[in-house]
Amino acid sequence: MSTNTLSFALPQTLRSYVDQRVRAAQYGNTSEYLCELIRRDQEDQAKKRLRELIEEGLNSGPGRVVTPQLAARLKKQALADRG
């Protein structure tokens, strides 16, 4: 995994909070803490997107029985759309 440096300024109150969280949460350093926050945000965004897709599906109309023939046709269509 390659690493890149990212520099930014924090107000002292936020910097103090980050330092306190690093000490209290057993993070090795500020970078580990910030990476964990970003990973959690990524997970939250993925969950949000999944909820949106589920809601879209529920609102799309009545369901239908997927026969093996329909499944094969949908798979073929999806593979064609992909490439």
C-alpha atoms as a PDB file:
ATOM      1  CA  MET A   1       0.000   0.000   0.000  1.00  0.00           C
ATOM      2  CA  SER A   2       1.523   3.310  -1.001  1.00  0.00           C
ATOM      3  CA  THR A   3       1.106   6.301   1.210  1.00  0.00           C
ATOM      4  CA  ASN A   4       0.679   9.926   0.345  1.00  0.00           C
ATOM      5  CA  THR A   5       1.064  12.919   2.574  1.00  0.00           C
ATOM      6  CA  LEU A   6      -1.850  15.253   3.086  1.00  0.00           C
ATOM      7  CA  SER A   7      -1.326  18.532   4.898  1.00  0.00           C
ATOM      8  CA  PHE A   8      -4.070  20.702   6.309  1.00  0.00           C
ATOM      9  CA  ALA A   9      -4.618  23.180   9.100  1.00  0.00           C
ATOM     10  CA  LEU A  10      -6.833  22.562  12.111  1.00  0.00           C
ATOM     11  CA  PRO A  11      -7.959  25.078  14.675  1.00  0.00           C
ATOM     12  CA  GLN A  12      -6.311  24.422  18.031  1.00  0.00           C
ATOM     13  CA  THR A  13      -9.542  23.138  19.558  1.00  0.00           C
ATOM     14  CA  LEU A  14      -9.848  20.434  16.892  1.00  0.00           C
ATOM     15  CA  ARG A  15      -6.166  19.570  17.098  1.00  0.00           C
ATOM     16  CA  SER A  16      -6.490  19.147  20.854  1.00  0.00           C
ATOM     17  CA  TYR A  17      -9.502  16.922  20.349  1.00  0.00           C
ATOM     18  CA  VAL A  18      -7.659  14.760  17.819  1.00  0.00           C
ATOM     19  CA  ASP A  19      -4.678  14.450  20.160  1.00  0.00           C
ATOM     20  CA  GLN A  20      -6.985  13.429  23.005  1.00  0.00           C
ATOM     21  CA  ARG A  21      -8.740  10.825  20.821  1.00  0.00           C
ATOM     22  CA  VAL A  22      -5.418   9.380  19.702  1.00  0.00           C
ATOM     23  CA  ARG A  23      -4.346   8.944  23.319  1.00  0.00           C
ATOM     24  CA  ALA A  24      -7.712   7.668  24.568  1.00  0.00           C
ATOM     25  CA  ALA A  25      -8.539   5.300  21.716  1.00  0.00           C
ATOM     26  CA  GLN A  26      -5.193   3.556  21.531  1.00  0.00           C
ATOM     27  CA  TYR A  27      -4.344   4.836  18.057  1.00  0.00           C
ATOM     28  CA  GLY A  28      -0.654   4.819  17.303  1.00  0.00           C
ATOM     29  CA  ASN A  29      -0.714   8.291  15.825  1.00  0.00           C
ATOM     30  CA  THR A  30      -2.892  10.976  14.281  1.00  0.00           C
ATOM     31  CA  SER A  31      -2.685   9.377  10.853  1.00  0.00           C
ATOM     32  CA  GLU A  32      -4.167   6.104  12.128  1.00  0.00           C
ATOM     33  CA  TYR A  33      -7.025   7.999  13.769  1.00  0.00           C
ATOM     34  CA  LEU A  34      -7.808  10.001  10.636  1.00  0.00           C
ATOM     35  CA  CYS A  35      -7.619   6.903   8.425  1.00  0.00           C
ATOM     36  CA  GLU A  36     -10.105   5.180  10.730  1.00  0.00           C
ATOM     37  CA  LEU A  37     -12.471   8.168  10.485  1.00  0.00           C
ATOM     38  CA  ILE A  38     -12.249   8.094   6.692  1.00  0.00           C
ATOM     39  CA  ARG A  39     -12.888   4.329   6.586  1.00  0.00           C
ATOM     40  CA  ARG A  40     -15.967   4.785   8.785  1.00  0.00           C
ATOM     41  CA  ASP A  41     -17.198   7.553   6.506  1.00  0.00           C
ATOM     42  CA  GLN A  42     -16.718   5.288   3.479  1.00  0.00           C
ATOM     43  CA  GLU A  43     -18.738   2.570   5.201  1.00  0.00           C
ATOM     44  CA  ASP A  44     -21.466   5.060   6.125  1.00  0.00           C
ATOM     45  CA  GLN A  45     -21.675   6.271   2.532  1.00  0.00           C
ATOM     46  CA  ALA A  46     -21.864   2.689   1.230  1.00  0.00           C
ATOM     47  CA  LYS A  47     -24.677   1.897   3.693  1.00  0.00           C
ATOM     48  CA  LYS A  48     -26.495   5.065   2.669  1.00  0.00           C
ATOM     49  CA  ARG A  49     -26.223   4.088  -1.004  1.00  0.00           C
ATOM     50  CA  LEU A  50     -27.476   0.586  -0.257  1.00  0.00           C
ATOM     51  CA  ARG A  51     -30.487   2.012   1.612  1.00  0.00           C
ATOM     52  CA  GLU A  52     -31.201   4.279  -1.376  1.00  0.00           C
ATOM     53  CA  LEU A  53     -31.033   1.334  -3.779  1.00  0.00           C
ATOM     54  CA  ILE A  54     -33.309  -0.768  -1.574  1.00  0.00           C
ATOM     55  CA  GLU A  55     -35.828   2.073  -1.365  1.00  0.00           C
ATOM     56  CA  GLU A  56     -35.651   2.541  -5.123  1.00  0.00           C
ATOM     57  CA  GLY A  57     -36.303  -1.154  -5.600  1.00  0.00           C
ATOM     58  CA  LEU A  58     -39.221  -1.163  -3.186  1.00  0.00           C
ATOM     59  CA  ASN A  59     -40.741   1.824  -4.967  1.00  0.00           C
ATOM     60  CA  SER A  60     -40.210   0.395  -8.453  1.00  0.00           C
ATOM     61  CA  GLY A  61     -43.414  -1.588  -8.545  1.00  0.00           C
ATOM     62  CA  PRO A  62     -44.570  -5.081  -7.782  1.00  0.00           C
ATOM     63  CA  GLY A  63     -42.077  -7.884  -7.748  1.00  0.00           C
ATOM     64  CA  ARG A  64     -42.032 -10.729 -10.198  1.00  0.00           C
ATOM     65  CA  VAL A  65     -40.988 -14.348 -10.114  1.00  0.00           C
ATOM     66  CA  VAL A  66     -37.540 -14.871 -11.556  1.00  0.00           C
ATOM     67  CA  THR A  67     -37.531 -18.049 -13.559  1.00  0.00           C
ATOM     68  CA  PRO A  68     -34.270 -19.672 -14.617  1.00  0.00           C
ATOM     69  CA  GLN A  69     -34.937 -18.423 -18.153  1.00  0.00           C
ATOM     70  CA  LEU A  70     -35.436 -14.824 -16.977  1.00  0.00           C
ATOM     71  CA  ALA A  71     -32.332 -15.034 -14.797  1.00  0.00           C
ATOM     72  CA  ALA A  72     -30.278 -16.238 -17.774  1.00  0.00           C
ATOM     73  CA  ARG A  73     -31.626 -13.451 -19.986  1.00  0.00           C
ATOM     74  CA  LEU A  74     -30.912 -10.789 -17.340  1.00  0.00           C
ATOM     75  CA  LYS A  75     -27.397 -12.164 -16.808  1.00  0.00           C
ATOM     76  CA  LYS A  76     -26.728 -12.113 -20.539  1.00  0.00           C
ATOM     77  CA  GLN A  77     -28.009  -8.539 -20.767  1.00  0.00           C
ATOM     78  CA  ALA A  78     -25.921  -7.405 -17.804  1.00  0.00           C
ATOM     79  CA  LEU A  79     -22.771  -8.949 -19.266  1.00  0.00           C
ATOM     80  CA  ALA A  80     -23.462  -7.321 -22.646  1.00  0.00           C
ATOM     81  CA  ASP A  81     -24.015  -3.928 -20.995  1.00  0.00           C
ATOM     82  CA  ARG A  82     -20.735  -4.280 -19.117  1.00  0.00           C
ATOM     83  CA  GLY A  83     -18.527  -4.841 -22.126  1.00  0.00           C
END
